C-alpha cells in the first residue's frame, strides 16, 4: 500500500490518496477548486489509478470541499458517519466565507459505522468511531500496514478542537484513549492537519494524553 499526501484549501487540510494499483481511495477530499483538483487528478493519471471510494473522517467543511466534485468525476460514493450530516447544509456558506464559490453538497453518500470493513483489491481498512471533535468522527485503520488515518481527532503533539457544534472534550479524550491508543505502538498516524506521528510517540509526548 502506498500513500500520497496533499495539503489543500486555505486551512491546509490534508488529503490522502491510499493506493495499490489499480485501486485508490481518497481520504478527505479537501481540494477546493479546479486547480487543486487537477493536481490530484494528474497524480492519479501518472500512477494509472482508479478511485473506488471517497472516505471522510468527518464532515467539517474543510475536509469535504471537493467531495461532490470527486464523486461526479470518479463515479463513486462518498462515505461518512450519519451523525455528521447536519454539517452538509452549512458547506456552501462556510465555503463562501473563505471566498470559495460553487461548492456543492455531495449527493452520493453512504454511511459508515464502528466495525465496518472496507475492501478494494488488496486495500483493507477497519472503521473506528472517534467522536469528540465532531459527533460523526471516524478513523480508518489498515491493520496489515499498521497505518491509521485519524482525521482531526489526534495530531502530532495535540488533539482536535472541541469548541465547534457537536464537540465534546471529555468524549474526544475517551475516544482517543479507548480506540486509538489501543492500537500497536508502531502504528503510523496520518492526521487531518500537519505532519504524521505514531501511536507510541503520542502516548509518550502528547500533553493532552
N, C-alpha and C. Protein backbone atom coordinates (compact mmCIF):
# COMPACT_ATOMS: atom_id res chain seq x y z
N UNK A 1 0.84 -1.19 0.00
CA UNK A 1 0.00 0.00 0.00
C UNK A 1 0.87 1.24 0.00
N UNK A 2 0.54 2.21 -0.82
CA UNK A 2 1.27 3.47 -0.88
C UNK A 2 0.34 4.62 -0.50
N UNK A 3 0.94 5.72 -0.08
CA UNK A 3 0.17 6.88 0.38
C UNK A 3 0.75 8.14 -0.24
N UNK A 4 -0.10 8.94 -0.83
CA UNK A 4 0.28 10.26 -1.34
C UNK A 4 -0.45 11.31 -0.54
N UNK A 5 0.28 12.30 -0.05
CA UNK A 5 -0.30 13.35 0.79
C UNK A 5 -0.33 14.68 0.05
N UNK A 6 -1.49 15.33 0.11
CA UNK A 6 -1.64 16.70 -0.39
C UNK A 6 -2.14 17.57 0.76
N UNK A 7 -1.80 18.85 0.75
CA UNK A 7 -2.39 19.82 1.67
C UNK A 7 -3.13 20.85 0.83
N UNK A 8 -4.45 20.89 0.98
CA UNK A 8 -5.28 21.73 0.13
C UNK A 8 -6.06 22.75 0.96
N UNK A 9 -6.63 23.74 0.26
CA UNK A 9 -7.55 24.76 0.73
C UNK A 9 -6.87 25.73 1.70
N UNK A 10 -7.54 26.85 2.02
CA UNK A 10 -6.90 27.87 2.87
C UNK A 10 -6.49 27.40 4.25
N UNK A 11 -7.04 26.26 4.71
CA UNK A 11 -6.71 25.76 6.04
C UNK A 11 -5.65 24.66 5.99
N UNK A 12 -5.05 24.44 4.81
CA UNK A 12 -4.00 23.42 4.65
C UNK A 12 -4.44 22.08 5.25
N UNK A 13 -5.59 21.63 4.80
CA UNK A 13 -6.15 20.37 5.29
C UNK A 13 -5.63 19.21 4.44
N UNK A 14 -5.16 18.18 5.11
CA UNK A 14 -4.55 17.06 4.40
C UNK A 14 -5.58 16.23 3.65
N UNK A 15 -5.22 15.87 2.44
CA UNK A 15 -5.97 14.95 1.61
C UNK A 15 -5.03 13.81 1.27
N UNK A 16 -5.49 12.58 1.45
CA UNK A 16 -4.64 11.42 1.22
C UNK A 16 -5.19 10.57 0.09
N UNK A 17 -4.29 10.08 -0.74
CA UNK A 17 -4.63 9.03 -1.70
C UNK A 17 -3.92 7.77 -1.23
N UNK A 18 -4.71 6.78 -0.89
CA UNK A 18 -4.20 5.47 -0.48
C UNK A 18 -4.39 4.55 -1.66
N UNK A 19 -3.32 3.84 -2.07
CA UNK A 19 -3.47 3.09 -3.31
C UNK A 19 -2.58 1.86 -3.37
N UNK A 20 -3.05 0.90 -4.11
CA UNK A 20 -2.29 -0.25 -4.56
C UNK A 20 -2.87 -0.59 -5.92
N UNK A 21 -2.10 -0.36 -6.92
CA UNK A 21 -2.56 -0.41 -8.31
C UNK A 21 -3.44 -1.64 -8.57
N UNK A 22 -4.61 -1.42 -9.22
CA UNK A 22 -5.11 -0.16 -9.79
C UNK A 22 -6.07 0.60 -8.87
N UNK A 23 -6.22 0.13 -7.64
CA UNK A 23 -7.23 0.68 -6.74
C UNK A 23 -6.70 1.87 -5.95
N UNK A 24 -7.57 2.86 -5.75
CA UNK A 24 -7.19 4.03 -4.95
C UNK A 24 -8.41 4.53 -4.18
N UNK A 25 -8.15 4.97 -2.97
CA UNK A 25 -9.17 5.64 -2.16
C UNK A 25 -8.68 7.05 -1.85
N UNK A 26 -9.61 7.99 -1.87
CA UNK A 26 -9.32 9.35 -1.40
C UNK A 26 -9.84 9.46 0.02
N UNK A 27 -8.96 9.83 0.95
CA UNK A 27 -9.37 10.05 2.33
C UNK A 27 -9.35 11.55 2.59
N UNK A 28 -10.52 12.11 2.78
CA UNK A 28 -10.79 13.54 2.96
C UNK A 28 -10.50 14.33 1.68
N UNK A 29 -11.53 14.57 0.89
CA UNK A 29 -11.40 15.33 -0.37
C UNK A 29 -11.37 16.83 -0.09
N UNK A 30 -10.22 17.33 0.30
CA UNK A 30 -10.11 18.69 0.83
C UNK A 30 -9.86 19.76 -0.22
N UNK A 31 -9.65 19.36 -1.48
CA UNK A 31 -9.37 20.33 -2.55
C UNK A 31 -10.59 21.21 -2.77
N UNK A 32 -10.34 22.51 -3.01
CA UNK A 32 -11.45 23.45 -3.02
C UNK A 32 -11.64 24.17 -4.35
N UNK A 33 -10.84 23.84 -5.35
CA UNK A 33 -11.02 24.46 -6.66
C UNK A 33 -10.45 23.54 -7.73
N UNK A 34 -10.66 23.91 -8.97
CA UNK A 34 -10.25 23.05 -10.07
C UNK A 34 -8.73 22.93 -10.15
N UNK A 35 -8.00 23.97 -9.77
CA UNK A 35 -6.54 23.91 -9.80
C UNK A 35 -6.02 22.85 -8.83
N UNK A 36 -6.56 22.84 -7.62
CA UNK A 36 -6.14 21.82 -6.66
C UNK A 36 -6.58 20.43 -7.11
N UNK A 37 -7.80 20.33 -7.60
CA UNK A 37 -8.30 19.04 -8.06
C UNK A 37 -7.45 18.51 -9.21
N UNK A 38 -6.98 19.39 -10.07
CA UNK A 38 -6.14 18.98 -11.20
C UNK A 38 -4.84 18.35 -10.72
N UNK A 39 -4.28 18.88 -9.64
CA UNK A 39 -3.05 18.29 -9.09
C UNK A 39 -3.29 16.84 -8.67
N UNK A 40 -4.42 16.60 -8.02
CA UNK A 40 -4.74 15.24 -7.61
C UNK A 40 -4.99 14.35 -8.82
N UNK A 41 -5.74 14.85 -9.78
CA UNK A 41 -6.05 14.03 -10.97
C UNK A 41 -4.79 13.70 -11.76
N UNK A 42 -3.86 14.64 -11.84
CA UNK A 42 -2.61 14.37 -12.54
C UNK A 42 -1.81 13.27 -11.86
N UNK A 43 -1.84 13.26 -10.53
CA UNK A 43 -1.16 12.19 -9.81
C UNK A 43 -1.83 10.84 -10.10
N UNK A 44 -3.14 10.80 -10.05
CA UNK A 44 -3.86 9.55 -10.32
C UNK A 44 -3.55 9.04 -11.72
N UNK A 45 -3.51 9.96 -12.67
CA UNK A 45 -3.21 9.58 -14.04
C UNK A 45 -1.79 9.06 -14.17
N UNK A 46 -0.87 9.69 -13.49
CA UNK A 46 0.54 9.28 -13.59
C UNK A 46 0.76 7.89 -13.02
N UNK A 47 -0.08 7.49 -12.05
CA UNK A 47 0.05 6.17 -11.44
C UNK A 47 -0.95 5.17 -12.01
N UNK A 48 -1.76 5.61 -12.98
CA UNK A 48 -2.77 4.76 -13.63
C UNK A 48 -3.71 4.14 -12.60
N UNK A 49 -4.31 5.03 -11.78
CA UNK A 49 -5.16 4.60 -10.68
C UNK A 49 -6.63 4.90 -10.95
N UNK A 50 -7.49 4.05 -10.39
CA UNK A 50 -8.93 4.24 -10.44
C UNK A 50 -9.45 4.45 -9.02
N UNK A 51 -10.13 5.57 -8.78
CA UNK A 51 -10.67 5.85 -7.44
C UNK A 51 -11.94 5.01 -7.23
N UNK A 52 -11.91 4.20 -6.18
CA UNK A 52 -13.05 3.34 -5.84
C UNK A 52 -13.93 3.94 -4.75
N UNK A 53 -13.31 4.67 -3.82
CA UNK A 53 -14.04 5.18 -2.66
C UNK A 53 -13.52 6.55 -2.27
N UNK A 54 -14.43 7.37 -1.75
CA UNK A 54 -14.08 8.65 -1.15
C UNK A 54 -14.50 8.58 0.31
N UNK A 55 -13.53 8.60 1.21
CA UNK A 55 -13.78 8.41 2.63
C UNK A 55 -13.59 9.71 3.39
N UNK A 56 -14.53 10.03 4.26
CA UNK A 56 -14.46 11.27 5.04
C UNK A 56 -14.31 10.93 6.52
N UNK A 57 -13.26 11.45 7.13
CA UNK A 57 -13.09 11.23 8.57
C UNK A 57 -14.18 11.96 9.35
N UNK A 58 -14.66 13.07 8.81
CA UNK A 58 -15.80 13.79 9.37
C UNK A 58 -16.24 14.79 8.31
N UNK A 59 -17.33 15.50 8.59
CA UNK A 59 -17.93 16.35 7.56
C UNK A 59 -17.77 17.84 7.82
N UNK A 60 -16.77 18.25 8.57
CA UNK A 60 -16.45 19.67 8.64
C UNK A 60 -16.04 20.16 7.26
N UNK A 61 -16.40 21.40 6.97
CA UNK A 61 -16.30 21.93 5.61
C UNK A 61 -14.93 21.77 4.98
N UNK A 62 -13.86 22.01 5.73
CA UNK A 62 -12.53 21.99 5.13
C UNK A 62 -12.08 20.58 4.72
N UNK A 63 -12.80 19.57 5.18
CA UNK A 63 -12.46 18.19 4.82
C UNK A 63 -13.29 17.67 3.65
N UNK A 64 -14.31 18.41 3.23
CA UNK A 64 -15.20 17.89 2.19
C UNK A 64 -15.46 18.89 1.06
N UNK A 65 -14.63 19.93 0.95
CA UNK A 65 -14.84 20.88 -0.13
C UNK A 65 -14.99 20.17 -1.48
N UNK A 66 -14.16 19.17 -1.74
CA UNK A 66 -14.14 18.53 -3.04
C UNK A 66 -14.96 17.26 -3.15
N UNK A 67 -15.78 16.95 -2.17
CA UNK A 67 -16.50 15.67 -2.17
C UNK A 67 -17.42 15.52 -3.38
N UNK A 68 -18.21 16.55 -3.63
CA UNK A 68 -19.13 16.48 -4.78
C UNK A 68 -18.35 16.40 -6.09
N UNK A 69 -17.32 17.22 -6.21
CA UNK A 69 -16.51 17.26 -7.42
C UNK A 69 -15.89 15.88 -7.71
N UNK A 70 -15.36 15.25 -6.67
CA UNK A 70 -14.71 13.96 -6.85
C UNK A 70 -15.72 12.85 -7.14
N UNK A 71 -16.86 12.89 -6.47
CA UNK A 71 -17.88 11.86 -6.70
C UNK A 71 -18.37 11.90 -8.14
N UNK A 72 -18.55 13.09 -8.67
CA UNK A 72 -19.01 13.23 -10.05
C UNK A 72 -17.93 12.81 -11.03
N UNK A 73 -16.69 13.17 -10.76
CA UNK A 73 -15.60 12.87 -11.68
C UNK A 73 -15.26 11.39 -11.72
N UNK A 74 -15.32 10.73 -10.55
CA UNK A 74 -14.87 9.34 -10.47
C UNK A 74 -16.02 8.34 -10.40
N UNK A 75 -17.26 8.85 -10.36
CA UNK A 75 -18.44 7.98 -10.37
C UNK A 75 -18.41 6.98 -9.21
N UNK A 76 -18.13 7.51 -8.03
CA UNK A 76 -18.11 6.65 -6.85
C UNK A 76 -18.79 7.36 -5.68
N UNK A 77 -19.04 6.60 -4.63
CA UNK A 77 -19.75 7.13 -3.48
C UNK A 77 -18.82 7.83 -2.49
N UNK A 78 -19.43 8.70 -1.70
CA UNK A 78 -18.76 9.35 -0.58
C UNK A 78 -19.23 8.66 0.69
N UNK A 79 -18.29 8.28 1.55
CA UNK A 79 -18.61 7.57 2.79
C UNK A 79 -18.31 8.44 3.99
N UNK A 80 -19.26 8.48 4.95
CA UNK A 80 -19.07 9.24 6.18
C UNK A 80 -20.04 8.70 7.22
N UNK A 81 -19.94 9.21 8.44
CA UNK A 81 -20.85 8.80 9.51
C UNK A 81 -22.11 9.65 9.46
N UNK A 82 -23.24 9.04 9.69
CA UNK A 82 -24.53 9.74 9.62
C UNK A 82 -24.64 10.87 10.63
N UNK A 83 -23.95 10.76 11.76
CA UNK A 83 -24.09 11.77 12.82
C UNK A 83 -23.55 13.13 12.42
N UNK A 84 -22.79 13.21 11.35
CA UNK A 84 -22.23 14.49 10.91
C UNK A 84 -23.01 15.15 9.78
N UNK A 85 -24.10 14.56 9.36
CA UNK A 85 -24.76 15.07 8.16
C UNK A 85 -25.35 16.46 8.34
N UNK A 86 -25.56 16.90 9.58
CA UNK A 86 -26.06 18.26 9.79
C UNK A 86 -25.09 19.31 9.28
N UNK A 87 -23.81 18.94 9.14
CA UNK A 87 -22.80 19.89 8.64
C UNK A 87 -22.92 20.12 7.15
N UNK A 88 -23.58 19.22 6.42
CA UNK A 88 -23.62 19.34 4.97
C UNK A 88 -24.33 20.61 4.51
N UNK A 89 -25.42 20.95 5.17
CA UNK A 89 -26.19 22.13 4.76
C UNK A 89 -25.39 23.42 4.92
N UNK A 90 -24.38 23.40 5.81
CA UNK A 90 -23.58 24.60 6.07
C UNK A 90 -22.39 24.74 5.13
N UNK A 91 -22.15 23.71 4.32
CA UNK A 91 -20.96 23.71 3.48
C UNK A 91 -20.87 24.91 2.54
N UNK A 92 -21.91 25.24 1.74
CA UNK A 92 -21.77 26.38 0.83
C UNK A 92 -21.49 27.70 1.56
N UNK A 93 -22.11 27.89 2.73
CA UNK A 93 -21.91 29.14 3.47
C UNK A 93 -20.48 29.25 3.99
N UNK A 94 -19.95 28.16 4.54
CA UNK A 94 -18.57 28.17 5.02
C UNK A 94 -17.60 28.39 3.87
N UNK A 95 -17.87 27.77 2.74
CA UNK A 95 -17.01 27.94 1.58
C UNK A 95 -16.99 29.39 1.13
N UNK A 96 -18.17 30.01 1.07
CA UNK A 96 -18.26 31.41 0.65
C UNK A 96 -17.50 32.32 1.61
N UNK A 97 -17.52 31.99 2.89
CA UNK A 97 -16.79 32.79 3.89
C UNK A 97 -15.30 32.84 3.56
N UNK A 98 -14.78 31.76 3.00
CA UNK A 98 -13.37 31.70 2.62
C UNK A 98 -13.15 32.09 1.16
N UNK A 99 -14.18 32.67 0.54
CA UNK A 99 -14.05 33.12 -0.83
C UNK A 99 -14.08 32.01 -1.86
N UNK A 100 -14.63 30.85 -1.48
CA UNK A 100 -14.69 29.69 -2.37
C UNK A 100 -16.13 29.54 -2.84
N UNK A 101 -16.35 29.72 -4.12
CA UNK A 101 -17.70 29.68 -4.66
C UNK A 101 -17.93 28.40 -5.46
N UNK A 102 -19.19 28.06 -5.63
CA UNK A 102 -19.54 26.92 -6.46
C UNK A 102 -19.37 25.57 -5.80
N UNK A 103 -19.22 25.52 -4.48
CA UNK A 103 -19.08 24.25 -3.77
C UNK A 103 -20.46 23.63 -3.59
N UNK A 104 -20.60 22.39 -3.98
CA UNK A 104 -21.89 21.69 -3.88
C UNK A 104 -21.84 20.61 -2.82
N UNK A 105 -23.00 20.25 -2.31
CA UNK A 105 -23.13 19.19 -1.33
C UNK A 105 -23.10 17.85 -2.06
N UNK A 106 -22.30 16.89 -1.61
CA UNK A 106 -22.28 15.58 -2.28
C UNK A 106 -23.63 14.90 -2.20
N UNK A 107 -24.04 14.27 -3.29
CA UNK A 107 -25.36 13.63 -3.30
C UNK A 107 -25.28 12.12 -3.42
N UNK A 108 -24.07 11.56 -3.33
CA UNK A 108 -23.91 10.11 -3.36
C UNK A 108 -23.19 9.69 -2.08
N UNK A 109 -23.91 9.73 -0.96
CA UNK A 109 -23.27 9.47 0.31
C UNK A 109 -23.79 8.18 0.94
N UNK A 110 -22.85 7.38 1.44
CA UNK A 110 -23.18 6.17 2.19
C UNK A 110 -22.61 6.29 3.59
N UNK A 111 -23.22 5.57 4.53
CA UNK A 111 -22.83 5.71 5.93
C UNK A 111 -21.89 4.59 6.38
N UNK A 112 -20.96 4.96 7.25
CA UNK A 112 -20.04 4.02 7.87
C UNK A 112 -20.19 4.08 9.38
N UNK A 113 -19.97 2.91 10.01
CA UNK A 113 -20.09 2.82 11.46
C UNK A 113 -18.98 1.94 12.01
N UNK A 114 -18.82 2.00 13.34
CA UNK A 114 -17.84 1.20 14.04
C UNK A 114 -17.91 -0.27 13.61
N UNK A 115 -16.76 -0.83 13.28
CA UNK A 115 -16.70 -2.24 12.93
C UNK A 115 -16.87 -2.55 11.46
N UNK A 116 -17.27 -1.56 10.65
CA UNK A 116 -17.38 -1.79 9.21
C UNK A 116 -15.99 -2.05 8.64
N UNK A 117 -15.95 -2.85 7.58
CA UNK A 117 -14.71 -3.12 6.87
C UNK A 117 -14.80 -2.57 5.46
N UNK A 118 -13.68 -2.07 4.95
CA UNK A 118 -13.60 -1.53 3.61
C UNK A 118 -12.56 -2.33 2.83
N UNK A 119 -12.94 -2.76 1.63
CA UNK A 119 -12.03 -3.60 0.83
C UNK A 119 -12.11 -3.19 -0.63
N UNK A 120 -10.96 -3.01 -1.25
CA UNK A 120 -10.83 -2.87 -2.70
C UNK A 120 -9.53 -3.57 -3.09
N UNK A 121 -9.62 -4.72 -3.75
CA UNK A 121 -8.41 -5.44 -4.07
C UNK A 121 -7.66 -5.78 -2.80
N UNK A 122 -6.39 -5.35 -2.71
CA UNK A 122 -5.58 -5.59 -1.51
C UNK A 122 -5.66 -4.47 -0.48
N UNK A 123 -6.43 -3.43 -0.77
CA UNK A 123 -6.65 -2.37 0.22
C UNK A 123 -7.72 -2.83 1.21
N UNK A 124 -7.38 -2.87 2.48
CA UNK A 124 -8.32 -3.31 3.50
C UNK A 124 -8.19 -2.43 4.74
N UNK A 125 -9.32 -1.88 5.19
CA UNK A 125 -9.30 -1.00 6.36
C UNK A 125 -10.48 -1.29 7.27
N UNK A 126 -10.29 -0.97 8.54
CA UNK A 126 -11.35 -1.08 9.54
C UNK A 126 -11.81 0.32 9.92
N UNK A 127 -13.09 0.45 10.19
CA UNK A 127 -13.68 1.74 10.56
C UNK A 127 -13.78 1.83 12.08
N UNK A 128 -13.26 2.93 12.63
CA UNK A 128 -13.35 3.20 14.07
C UNK A 128 -14.15 4.49 14.27
N UNK A 129 -15.06 4.47 15.22
CA UNK A 129 -15.78 5.70 15.58
C UNK A 129 -14.99 6.43 16.66
N UNK A 130 -14.69 7.71 16.41
CA UNK A 130 -13.92 8.52 17.36
C UNK A 130 -14.60 9.88 17.56
N UNK A 131 -15.80 9.88 18.12
CA UNK A 131 -16.49 11.16 18.32
C UNK A 131 -15.78 12.03 19.35
N UNK A 132 -16.06 13.33 19.26
CA UNK A 132 -15.49 14.29 20.20
C UNK A 132 -15.11 15.57 19.51
N UNK A 133 -14.34 15.47 18.42
CA UNK A 133 -14.10 16.64 17.57
C UNK A 133 -15.39 16.97 16.84
N UNK A 134 -16.04 15.94 16.33
CA UNK A 134 -17.41 16.03 15.82
C UNK A 134 -18.11 14.75 16.24
N UNK A 135 -19.43 14.76 16.23
CA UNK A 135 -20.15 13.57 16.68
C UNK A 135 -20.00 12.40 15.72
N UNK A 136 -19.70 12.69 14.46
CA UNK A 136 -19.55 11.63 13.48
C UNK A 136 -18.11 11.35 13.11
N UNK A 137 -17.19 11.64 14.01
CA UNK A 137 -15.78 11.43 13.70
C UNK A 137 -15.45 9.96 13.47
N UNK A 138 -14.67 9.70 12.41
CA UNK A 138 -14.23 8.36 12.08
C UNK A 138 -12.71 8.34 11.93
N UNK A 139 -12.13 7.17 12.14
CA UNK A 139 -10.73 6.92 11.80
C UNK A 139 -10.69 5.64 10.98
N UNK A 140 -9.72 5.56 10.09
CA UNK A 140 -9.59 4.40 9.21
C UNK A 140 -8.25 3.73 9.50
N UNK A 141 -8.34 2.46 9.91
CA UNK A 141 -7.15 1.72 10.34
C UNK A 141 -6.86 0.58 9.37
N UNK A 142 -5.62 0.55 8.89
CA UNK A 142 -5.15 -0.51 8.00
C UNK A 142 -4.27 -1.44 8.82
N UNK A 143 -4.82 -2.54 9.33
CA UNK A 143 -4.09 -3.36 10.31
C UNK A 143 -2.82 -4.01 9.76
N UNK A 144 -2.84 -4.45 8.53
CA UNK A 144 -1.65 -5.13 8.00
C UNK A 144 -0.47 -4.18 7.88
N UNK A 145 -0.75 -2.92 7.53
CA UNK A 145 0.31 -1.92 7.37
C UNK A 145 0.57 -1.15 8.65
N UNK A 146 -0.30 -1.30 9.66
CA UNK A 146 -0.24 -0.51 10.89
C UNK A 146 -0.23 0.97 10.57
N UNK A 147 -1.27 1.38 9.85
CA UNK A 147 -1.44 2.77 9.43
C UNK A 147 -2.84 3.23 9.84
N UNK A 148 -2.93 4.41 10.42
CA UNK A 148 -4.19 4.99 10.86
C UNK A 148 -4.37 6.37 10.26
N UNK A 149 -5.55 6.63 9.71
CA UNK A 149 -5.93 7.98 9.28
C UNK A 149 -6.91 8.51 10.33
N UNK A 150 -6.45 9.49 11.10
CA UNK A 150 -7.16 9.89 12.31
C UNK A 150 -8.03 11.12 12.13
N UNK A 151 -8.01 11.75 10.96
CA UNK A 151 -8.77 12.98 10.80
C UNK A 151 -8.30 14.04 11.78
N UNK A 152 -9.24 14.75 12.39
CA UNK A 152 -8.90 15.81 13.34
C UNK A 152 -9.05 15.35 14.79
N UNK A 153 -9.05 14.04 15.02
CA UNK A 153 -9.14 13.57 16.40
C UNK A 153 -7.79 13.67 17.11
N UNK A 154 -6.73 13.25 16.43
CA UNK A 154 -5.41 13.21 17.04
C UNK A 154 -4.38 13.84 16.10
N UNK A 155 -3.56 14.73 16.63
CA UNK A 155 -2.48 15.37 15.88
C UNK A 155 -1.14 15.06 16.53
N UNK A 156 -0.07 15.39 15.84
CA UNK A 156 1.26 15.27 16.43
C UNK A 156 1.38 16.29 17.56
N UNK A 157 1.37 15.80 18.78
CA UNK A 157 1.50 16.67 19.94
C UNK A 157 0.25 17.41 20.34
N UNK A 158 -0.89 17.06 19.77
CA UNK A 158 -2.11 17.79 20.08
C UNK A 158 -3.33 16.91 19.80
N UNK A 159 -4.51 17.50 19.98
CA UNK A 159 -5.77 16.83 19.67
C UNK A 159 -6.67 17.81 18.94
N UNK A 160 -7.79 17.33 18.41
CA UNK A 160 -8.72 18.19 17.70
C UNK A 160 -9.44 19.17 18.62
N UNK A 161 -9.84 20.29 18.05
CA UNK A 161 -10.61 21.27 18.82
C UNK A 161 -11.99 20.70 19.13
N UNK A 162 -12.58 21.17 20.21
CA UNK A 162 -13.89 20.66 20.63
C UNK A 162 -14.88 21.79 20.89
N UNK A 163 -14.58 22.99 20.38
CA UNK A 163 -15.44 24.13 20.62
C UNK A 163 -16.45 24.37 19.50
N UNK A 164 -16.47 23.50 18.48
CA UNK A 164 -17.45 23.62 17.42
C UNK A 164 -18.70 22.81 17.77
N UNK A 165 -19.78 23.04 17.03
CA UNK A 165 -21.03 22.32 17.26
C UNK A 165 -20.79 20.81 17.29
N UNK A 166 -21.26 20.16 18.34
CA UNK A 166 -21.10 18.72 18.46
C UNK A 166 -19.80 18.29 19.10
N UNK A 167 -18.93 19.25 19.41
CA UNK A 167 -17.65 18.91 20.04
C UNK A 167 -17.80 18.60 21.52
N UNK A 168 -16.96 17.71 22.01
CA UNK A 168 -17.03 17.32 23.42
C UNK A 168 -15.64 16.86 23.85
N UNK A 169 -14.99 17.66 24.70
CA UNK A 169 -13.60 17.38 25.07
C UNK A 169 -13.46 16.03 25.76
N UNK A 170 -14.29 15.77 26.77
CA UNK A 170 -14.18 14.51 27.50
C UNK A 170 -14.42 13.31 26.58
N UNK A 171 -15.36 13.47 25.67
CA UNK A 171 -15.66 12.40 24.72
C UNK A 171 -14.49 12.16 23.77
N UNK A 172 -13.85 13.22 23.31
CA UNK A 172 -12.70 13.07 22.42
C UNK A 172 -11.56 12.36 23.13
N UNK A 173 -11.23 12.77 24.35
CA UNK A 173 -10.16 12.12 25.09
C UNK A 173 -10.47 10.63 25.28
N UNK A 174 -11.71 10.32 25.60
CA UNK A 174 -12.11 8.92 25.75
C UNK A 174 -11.97 8.16 24.45
N UNK A 175 -12.38 8.77 23.34
CA UNK A 175 -12.26 8.13 22.03
C UNK A 175 -10.80 7.81 21.72
N UNK A 176 -9.93 8.77 21.97
CA UNK A 176 -8.51 8.57 21.68
C UNK A 176 -7.93 7.47 22.56
N UNK A 177 -8.23 7.53 23.85
CA UNK A 177 -7.66 6.55 24.77
C UNK A 177 -8.14 5.14 24.49
N UNK A 178 -9.43 4.99 24.23
CA UNK A 178 -10.02 3.65 24.07
C UNK A 178 -9.78 3.09 22.67
N UNK A 179 -9.94 3.91 21.65
CA UNK A 179 -9.88 3.42 20.28
C UNK A 179 -8.49 3.53 19.65
N UNK A 180 -7.82 4.65 19.85
CA UNK A 180 -6.57 4.89 19.12
C UNK A 180 -5.34 4.43 19.89
N UNK A 181 -5.25 4.76 21.17
CA UNK A 181 -4.06 4.37 21.93
C UNK A 181 -4.00 2.86 22.18
N UNK A 182 -5.09 2.16 21.89
CA UNK A 182 -5.10 0.70 21.99
C UNK A 182 -4.43 0.03 20.79
N UNK A 183 -4.16 0.80 19.75
CA UNK A 183 -3.51 0.25 18.56
C UNK A 183 -2.03 0.01 18.83
N UNK A 184 -1.36 -0.79 18.00
CA UNK A 184 0.06 -1.07 18.23
C UNK A 184 0.91 0.19 18.34
N UNK A 185 1.92 0.11 19.18
CA UNK A 185 2.83 1.21 19.48
C UNK A 185 3.41 1.84 18.21
N UNK A 186 3.71 1.00 17.20
CA UNK A 186 4.38 1.48 15.99
C UNK A 186 3.41 1.85 14.87
N UNK A 187 2.14 2.01 15.19
CA UNK A 187 1.16 2.45 14.19
C UNK A 187 1.46 3.89 13.76
N UNK A 188 1.57 4.11 12.46
CA UNK A 188 1.79 5.46 11.92
C UNK A 188 0.45 6.16 11.81
N UNK A 189 0.37 7.38 12.30
CA UNK A 189 -0.87 8.15 12.31
C UNK A 189 -0.77 9.29 11.31
N UNK A 190 -1.68 9.28 10.33
CA UNK A 190 -1.79 10.37 9.36
C UNK A 190 -2.94 11.26 9.81
N UNK A 191 -2.63 12.54 10.03
CA UNK A 191 -3.57 13.46 10.68
C UNK A 191 -4.28 14.35 9.67
N UNK A 192 -5.35 14.99 10.13
CA UNK A 192 -6.12 15.88 9.26
C UNK A 192 -5.38 17.15 8.90
N UNK A 193 -4.47 17.57 9.75
CA UNK A 193 -3.62 18.74 9.51
C UNK A 193 -2.23 18.41 10.04
N UNK A 194 -1.22 18.96 9.39
CA UNK A 194 0.13 18.83 9.90
C UNK A 194 0.77 17.48 9.61
N UNK A 195 1.92 17.23 10.27
CA UNK A 195 2.70 16.03 9.96
C UNK A 195 2.11 14.76 10.56
N UNK A 196 2.64 13.64 10.09
CA UNK A 196 2.26 12.35 10.66
C UNK A 196 2.99 12.14 11.98
N UNK A 197 2.54 11.14 12.73
CA UNK A 197 3.14 10.81 14.02
C UNK A 197 2.98 9.30 14.21
N UNK A 198 3.12 8.84 15.42
CA UNK A 198 2.89 7.43 15.73
C UNK A 198 2.12 7.32 17.03
N UNK A 199 1.46 6.19 17.22
CA UNK A 199 0.73 5.99 18.48
C UNK A 199 1.70 6.01 19.64
N UNK A 200 2.86 5.37 19.49
CA UNK A 200 3.83 5.34 20.57
C UNK A 200 4.33 6.72 20.95
N UNK A 201 4.61 7.54 19.95
CA UNK A 201 5.09 8.88 20.23
C UNK A 201 4.05 9.70 20.97
N UNK A 202 2.77 9.58 20.57
CA UNK A 202 1.73 10.35 21.24
C UNK A 202 1.47 9.88 22.65
N UNK A 203 1.62 8.57 22.90
CA UNK A 203 1.50 8.06 24.25
C UNK A 203 2.55 8.69 25.17
N UNK A 204 3.74 8.87 24.63
CA UNK A 204 4.85 9.36 25.43
C UNK A 204 4.88 10.88 25.56
N UNK A 205 4.49 11.59 24.50
CA UNK A 205 4.78 13.01 24.42
C UNK A 205 3.58 13.94 24.34
N UNK A 206 2.40 13.43 24.01
CA UNK A 206 1.26 14.32 23.80
C UNK A 206 0.77 14.87 25.16
N UNK A 207 0.83 16.17 25.37
CA UNK A 207 0.48 16.72 26.68
C UNK A 207 -1.00 16.57 27.04
N UNK A 208 -1.85 16.35 26.04
CA UNK A 208 -3.28 16.18 26.32
C UNK A 208 -3.62 14.76 26.77
N UNK A 209 -2.67 13.84 26.61
CA UNK A 209 -2.97 12.43 26.89
C UNK A 209 -2.19 11.90 28.08
